[in-house]
Amino acid sequence: MATHAETGVAGASAGTGTEVGAGAPTDPGTGGPHREAPVCAPAPGAALGGPVSHAVSRVARLHRAAAGRLLKDLGLYPGQEFLMMHLWANGAVRQAELIKAVGLDPSTVTKMLQRLEHAGHVRRRPDPADRRAVLIEATEASCDLHGEVRTAWGVLEEQTLAGLTGPERTELARLLAKVEGSLCHEGAVAACPTPDGDRGPARA
C-alpha cells in the first residue's frame, strides 16, 4: 500500500509535469532534467569567507556523532557525560552552578538531569546551607559508569587523532587552545575554562 508521502509525491509529479519523466524539460547540454540556476553564485571551496570556521563546524559535527556512537553503548546521550564528569570531579553542586560550569541551556541541563536521575546516575538532596536549595550529586551506582566514560573518551581520542603524529597532536592541542581563548575573549564566557581548569562542552 502506498504511503501518504508516496502518493503526495506522485500527485505532485503528475500535476506539475516538472519531475523527471515523460514530457519533463531537459537540458540540451547534458540530456538530463533542466534545472534553474541558483539565485546566488556558488560559494568557493569552503563556506564563503570562513574556510576555517567551516572546517571546524564539520569536524565538530563528526566528533559529536562519533561520541554519540560510543556513549550510546553506555546509555548516555552526548553532553550527559560532561554533567557526570563535573559531578564526579566536584561532588554535590547546585543546579545553577552545574549549568554555568557546562555552558548549556538551562532547559537542556534540566532534561539531561531528569534522564540521568531516572537511570540512577545522579540524585538530588536538600542543601544544608540553604534548605530551599537543592544539591545534585553523582550516586555510588555511577562509579562503574565513570570508568566506562573514561574508556570511551580514550577511544574517541584515538579515533579523532589517528592520522596525526605525536608532535602534530601537541601542536593541534596548542592551536585549539588559542582558538578557544580567542572565542572566550569575544564573549563565549559560559563555555570557557573555569578557574579550576574544568571546561564546558566544546561540541555544538
Protein backbone atom coordinates (compact mmCIF):
# COMPACT_ATOMS: atom_id res chain seq x y z
CA MET A 1 0.00 0.00 0.00
CA ALA A 2 1.43 3.42 -0.92
CA THR A 3 2.07 5.77 1.95
CA HIS A 4 0.66 9.26 2.17
CA ALA A 5 4.10 10.69 1.42
CA GLU A 6 4.46 8.45 -1.65
CA THR A 7 1.06 9.37 -3.04
CA GLY A 8 1.76 13.03 -2.36
CA VAL A 9 4.95 12.93 -4.40
CA ALA A 10 3.26 11.03 -7.18
CA GLY A 11 0.42 13.53 -7.27
CA ALA A 12 2.82 16.44 -7.38
CA SER A 13 4.68 14.85 -10.27
CA ALA A 14 1.51 14.22 -12.23
CA GLY A 15 0.11 17.64 -11.54
CA THR A 16 3.16 19.76 -12.39
CA GLY A 17 4.99 17.74 -15.02
CA THR A 18 8.29 19.08 -13.74
CA GLU A 19 9.69 15.83 -12.33
CA VAL A 20 11.97 13.58 -14.32
CA GLY A 21 9.88 11.53 -16.72
CA ALA A 22 7.94 11.78 -19.94
CA GLY A 23 7.49 15.35 -21.05
CA ALA A 24 9.89 16.83 -18.46
CA PRO A 25 12.07 19.62 -19.89
CA THR A 26 15.67 18.58 -20.46
CA ASP A 27 18.99 20.38 -20.53
CA PRO A 28 20.19 20.31 -24.17
CA GLY A 29 23.81 20.24 -22.97
CA THR A 30 23.52 17.12 -20.84
CA GLY A 31 20.26 15.47 -21.83
CA GLY A 32 19.29 15.47 -18.14
CA PRO A 33 16.48 17.37 -16.46
CA HIS A 34 16.69 21.15 -16.81
CA ARG A 35 17.49 22.96 -13.58
CA GLU A 36 17.15 26.62 -12.81
CA ALA A 37 20.38 28.45 -11.99
CA PRO A 38 20.85 29.22 -8.28
CA VAL A 39 19.88 32.71 -7.20
CA CYS A 40 23.29 33.35 -5.64
CA ALA A 41 26.67 32.50 -7.09
CA PRO A 42 28.12 29.21 -5.81
CA ALA A 43 30.29 29.54 -2.70
CA PRO A 44 34.03 28.96 -3.15
CA GLY A 45 35.61 25.69 -1.98
CA ALA A 46 34.59 26.33 1.63
CA ALA A 47 31.81 28.43 3.12
CA LEU A 48 32.17 31.94 1.72
CA GLY A 49 34.77 33.89 3.70
CA GLY A 50 35.20 31.38 6.56
CA PRO A 51 37.03 28.25 5.39
CA VAL A 52 38.48 27.55 8.85
CA SER A 53 35.13 28.11 10.58
CA HIS A 54 33.50 25.81 8.04
CA ALA A 55 36.12 23.13 8.72
CA VAL A 56 35.71 23.48 12.49
CA SER A 57 31.92 23.10 12.21
CA ARG A 58 32.30 19.96 10.09
CA VAL A 59 34.84 18.45 12.48
CA ALA A 60 32.65 19.31 15.50
CA ARG A 61 29.64 17.62 13.89
CA LEU A 62 31.63 14.48 13.07
CA HIS A 63 33.21 14.44 16.54
CA ARG A 64 29.80 14.69 18.18
CA ALA A 65 28.48 11.83 16.03
CA ALA A 66 31.47 9.64 16.94
CA ALA A 67 30.99 10.44 20.63
CA GLY A 68 27.29 9.64 20.32
CA ARG A 69 28.03 6.17 18.95
CA LEU A 70 30.40 5.39 21.84
CA LEU A 71 28.14 6.85 24.53
CA LYS A 72 25.08 5.05 23.21
CA ASP A 73 26.58 1.78 24.40
CA LEU A 74 26.72 3.29 27.90
CA GLY A 75 23.13 4.50 27.82
CA LEU A 76 24.17 8.15 27.56
CA TYR A 77 23.46 10.96 25.13
CA PRO A 78 26.19 13.41 24.03
CA GLY A 79 26.51 16.12 26.64
CA GLN A 80 25.39 14.00 29.57
CA GLU A 81 28.96 12.81 30.09
CA PHE A 82 30.03 16.43 30.73
CA LEU A 83 27.49 16.73 33.54
CA MET A 84 28.71 13.50 35.05
CA MET A 85 32.37 14.48 34.68
CA HIS A 86 31.72 17.69 36.60
CA LEU A 87 29.83 15.88 39.35
CA TRP A 88 32.47 13.17 39.66
CA ALA A 89 35.20 15.80 39.93
CA ASN A 90 33.45 18.33 42.16
CA GLY A 91 30.91 16.45 44.25
CA ALA A 92 27.49 17.87 45.06
CA VAL A 93 26.67 21.20 43.39
CA ARG A 94 23.62 23.36 42.90
CA GLN A 95 21.92 23.10 39.51
CA ALA A 96 22.68 26.74 38.68
CA GLU A 97 26.38 26.09 39.27
CA LEU A 98 26.24 22.99 37.10
CA ILE A 99 24.55 24.91 34.27
CA LYS A 100 27.24 27.58 34.41
CA ALA A 101 30.04 25.01 34.51
CA VAL A 102 28.96 23.08 31.42
CA GLY A 103 27.77 26.08 29.42
CA LEU A 104 24.48 24.60 28.25
CA ASP A 105 20.95 25.96 28.11
CA PRO A 106 19.15 25.57 31.48
CA SER A 107 16.24 23.65 29.94
CA THR A 108 18.69 21.27 28.26
CA VAL A 109 20.50 20.61 31.56
CA THR A 110 17.17 20.03 33.32
CA LYS A 111 16.18 17.37 30.78
CA MET A 112 19.60 15.73 30.97
CA LEU A 113 19.45 15.58 34.76
CA GLN A 114 15.97 14.08 34.67
CA ARG A 115 17.23 11.27 32.42
CA LEU A 116 20.37 10.73 34.50
CA GLU A 117 18.33 10.65 37.71
CA HIS A 118 15.89 8.16 36.19
CA ALA A 119 18.88 5.98 35.21
CA GLY A 120 20.20 6.13 38.76
CA HIS A 121 23.36 8.09 37.98
CA VAL A 122 22.51 11.27 39.91
CA ARG A 123 20.35 12.21 42.88
CA ARG A 124 19.04 15.41 44.45
CA ARG A 125 19.15 16.32 48.13
CA PRO A 126 18.50 19.47 50.20
CA ASP A 127 21.39 21.90 50.55
CA PRO A 128 22.38 22.01 54.25
CA ALA A 129 23.38 25.66 53.82
CA ASP A 130 20.00 26.63 52.35
CA ARG A 131 17.06 24.28 52.82
CA ARG A 132 15.27 25.96 49.92
CA ALA A 133 18.05 24.98 47.52
CA VAL A 134 18.77 21.54 46.07
CA LEU A 135 22.13 19.89 45.52
CA ILE A 136 22.82 17.45 42.70
CA GLU A 137 25.43 14.74 43.07
CA ALA A 138 26.62 11.56 41.41
CA THR A 139 25.43 8.34 43.01
CA GLU A 140 27.60 5.46 44.17
CA ALA A 141 25.97 3.43 41.41
CA SER A 142 27.53 5.73 38.81
CA CYS A 143 31.08 4.73 39.77
CA ASP A 144 31.19 1.97 37.16
CA LEU A 145 29.96 4.48 34.56
CA HIS A 146 32.90 6.73 35.46
CA GLY A 147 35.39 4.14 34.24
CA GLU A 148 33.34 3.36 31.14
CA VAL A 149 33.12 7.04 30.15
CA ARG A 150 36.87 7.42 30.62
CA THR A 151 37.46 4.41 28.38
CA ALA A 152 35.02 5.72 25.75
CA TRP A 153 36.77 9.08 25.68
CA GLY A 154 40.12 7.34 25.28
CA VAL A 155 38.75 5.51 22.23
CA LEU A 156 37.28 8.77 20.89
CA GLU A 157 40.66 10.47 21.33
CA GLU A 158 42.39 7.80 19.27
CA GLN A 159 39.71 7.86 16.58
CA THR A 160 39.96 11.64 16.37
CA LEU A 161 43.77 11.84 16.22
CA ALA A 162 44.54 8.60 14.40
CA GLY A 163 46.08 10.36 11.40
CA LEU A 164 48.35 12.65 13.41
CA THR A 165 51.86 12.15 14.74
CA GLY A 166 52.78 12.89 18.34
CA PRO A 167 54.14 16.37 17.55
CA GLU A 168 51.10 17.12 15.38
CA ARG A 169 48.77 16.17 18.24
CA THR A 170 50.66 18.50 20.57
CA GLU A 171 50.52 21.32 18.04
CA LEU A 172 46.82 20.78 17.40
CA ALA A 173 46.07 20.99 21.12
CA ARG A 174 48.10 24.21 21.32
CA LEU A 175 46.29 25.78 18.36
CA LEU A 176 42.85 24.75 19.62
CA ALA A 177 43.64 26.33 22.98
CA LYS A 178 44.46 29.58 21.19
CA VAL A 179 41.22 29.40 19.20
CA GLU A 180 39.29 28.76 22.41
CA GLY A 181 40.97 31.74 24.01
CA SER A 182 40.00 33.96 21.10
CA LEU A 183 36.36 32.88 21.27
CA CYS A 184 36.27 33.33 25.05
CA HIS A 185 37.67 36.83 24.61
CA GLU A 186 34.79 37.58 22.24
CA GLY A 187 32.23 36.75 24.90
CA ALA A 188 31.57 32.97 24.90
CA VAL A 189 32.10 33.01 28.67
CA ALA A 190 29.75 30.12 29.51
CA ALA A 191 31.88 27.58 27.66
CA CYS A 192 35.27 28.95 28.76
CA PRO A 193 37.63 27.25 31.22
CA THR A 194 36.76 27.85 34.85
CA PRO A 195 39.42 28.73 37.43
CA ASP A 196 39.78 25.06 38.39
CA GLY A 197 40.54 24.14 34.78
CA ASP A 198 37.19 22.50 34.07
CA ARG A 199 35.80 23.14 30.62
CA GLY A 200 32.30 23.17 29.32
CA PRO A 201 31.39 21.12 26.25
CA ALA A 202 33.11 22.22 23.08
CA ARG A 203 30.56 20.41 20.83
CA ALA A 204 27.60 22.17 19.48
